[in-house]
Structures are given as C-alpha cells and as structure tokens.
Amino acid sequence: MFALRPFLLLCAVVVALLLAVPRPSSGVGAEERYVVRAGDTLWDLAAQRFGGDPREGVWRIRARNGLQGASLQPGTVLYLPARAGDA
C-alpha cells in the first residue's frame, strides 16, 4: 500500500506538468513574425492584416507584443496575431 503512494504522486506530477505545457490551438492560424520598417504604423499594419476597422487589430497587436504606446521603431520584431479567418 505504501509503495503505491510514491507511484501515484509521480503520476499526478507528470499529469500536472503535461497540462501546464502550452500547446498551439488548432482553431486559429499561425501568427506571423514581422520586422518593423521605417514609416510603419500600428494602424497600417492592423489595416493590412485584419481589414475593415483597424482599431481591434491595433489592440490585438499591442496586447500580443506588450506595447505601451503606438510608436514603432524600425528593426523591432513584432508578432502579428492570426487573422480571425485563418485556419
């Protein structure tokens, strides 16, 4: 009986670790890595990436990259979230 406890504890730890590992979602397409060029703006990137009203796209790009402001520096690497319709 006592030999079973370490085994169960080990199994519980393994299961907890497997549940904690992030896995990509199959419901959304891959995000894209983008290197900022001179003259790029969040507004333009969002409009090109998401179409329509770019305000939500600007919010998503800022949230994904932890941006505080709206200014971009050339050479900065941004991760552009997947488009809503990408699969």
Protein backbone atom coordinates (compact mmCIF):
# COMPACT_ATOMS: atom_id res chain seq x y z
CA MET A 1 0.00 0.00 0.00
CA PHE A 2 2.79 2.45 0.91
CA ALA A 3 4.71 1.62 -2.28
CA LEU A 4 1.71 2.75 -4.28
CA ARG A 5 1.74 6.30 -2.87
CA PRO A 6 5.03 7.41 -4.50
CA PHE A 7 3.83 5.99 -7.80
CA LEU A 8 0.53 7.87 -7.59
CA LEU A 9 2.33 11.04 -6.59
CA LEU A 10 4.68 10.68 -9.57
CA CYS A 11 1.70 10.14 -11.89
CA ALA A 12 -0.03 13.22 -10.51
CA VAL A 13 3.10 15.34 -11.05
CA VAL A 14 3.50 14.09 -14.64
CA VAL A 15 -0.15 14.82 -15.44
CA ALA A 16 0.13 18.30 -13.90
CA LEU A 17 3.23 19.04 -15.97
CA LEU A 18 1.58 17.85 -19.17
CA LEU A 19 -1.44 20.06 -18.51
CA ALA A 20 0.80 23.06 -17.82
CA VAL A 21 2.71 22.86 -21.12
CA PRO A 22 1.24 25.30 -23.66
CA ARG A 23 0.03 23.75 -26.87
CA PRO A 24 -0.93 25.52 -30.08
CA SER A 25 -4.63 25.77 -30.72
CA SER A 26 -5.93 24.08 -33.83
CA GLY A 27 -8.72 26.64 -34.16
CA VAL A 28 -6.60 29.59 -35.26
CA GLY A 29 -3.94 30.04 -37.92
CA ALA A 30 -0.34 30.76 -37.10
CA GLU A 31 0.78 34.19 -36.06
CA GLU A 32 3.33 35.97 -38.21
CA ARG A 33 6.71 37.45 -37.28
CA TYR A 34 7.19 40.94 -38.74
CA VAL A 35 10.21 43.25 -38.65
CA VAL A 36 9.15 46.90 -38.44
CA ARG A 37 10.35 49.14 -41.29
CA ALA A 38 10.73 52.91 -41.33
CA GLY A 39 7.33 54.53 -41.74
CA ASP A 40 5.32 51.56 -40.41
CA THR A 41 2.45 52.34 -38.05
CA LEU A 42 0.29 50.04 -35.93
CA TRP A 43 -2.74 51.42 -37.74
CA ASP A 44 -1.37 50.47 -41.18
CA LEU A 45 -0.23 47.02 -40.02
CA ALA A 46 -3.64 46.33 -38.48
CA ALA A 47 -5.48 47.55 -41.58
CA GLN A 48 -3.36 45.32 -43.85
CA ARG A 49 -3.54 42.31 -41.54
CA PHE A 50 -7.16 42.37 -40.38
CA GLY A 51 -9.01 44.56 -42.89
CA GLY A 52 -12.05 46.66 -42.07
CA ASP A 53 -11.86 48.82 -38.96
CA PRO A 54 -8.23 48.52 -37.74
CA ARG A 55 -8.92 49.52 -34.11
CA GLU A 56 -9.34 45.94 -32.87
CA GLY A 57 -6.27 44.90 -34.86
CA VAL A 58 -4.20 47.66 -33.24
CA TRP A 59 -5.38 46.48 -29.82
CA ARG A 60 -4.52 42.83 -30.62
CA ILE A 61 -1.03 43.69 -31.93
CA ARG A 62 -0.30 45.87 -28.88
CA ALA A 63 -1.56 43.20 -26.48
CA ARG A 64 0.38 40.37 -28.17
CA ASN A 65 3.65 42.32 -28.12
CA GLY A 66 3.25 44.10 -24.79
CA LEU A 67 3.42 47.54 -26.39
CA GLN A 68 2.58 50.51 -24.19
CA GLY A 69 2.42 53.19 -26.86
CA ALA A 70 1.68 53.40 -30.55
CA SER A 71 5.12 54.37 -31.86
CA LEU A 72 7.23 51.73 -33.59
CA GLN A 73 11.00 51.62 -34.02
CA PRO A 74 12.47 50.22 -37.26
CA GLY A 75 14.05 46.82 -36.66
CA THR A 76 11.66 45.88 -33.85
CA VAL A 77 10.27 42.36 -34.21
CA LEU A 78 6.50 42.16 -33.81
CA TYR A 79 4.36 39.06 -33.62
CA LEU A 80 1.17 39.68 -35.55
CA PRO A 81 -1.76 37.65 -34.20
CA ALA A 82 -3.53 35.29 -36.53
CA ARG A 83 -6.31 36.70 -38.61
CA ALA A 84 -9.78 35.71 -37.50
CA GLY A 85 -10.47 33.73 -40.69
CA ASP A 86 -7.10 31.92 -40.88
CA ALA A 87 -7.10 28.21 -40.25
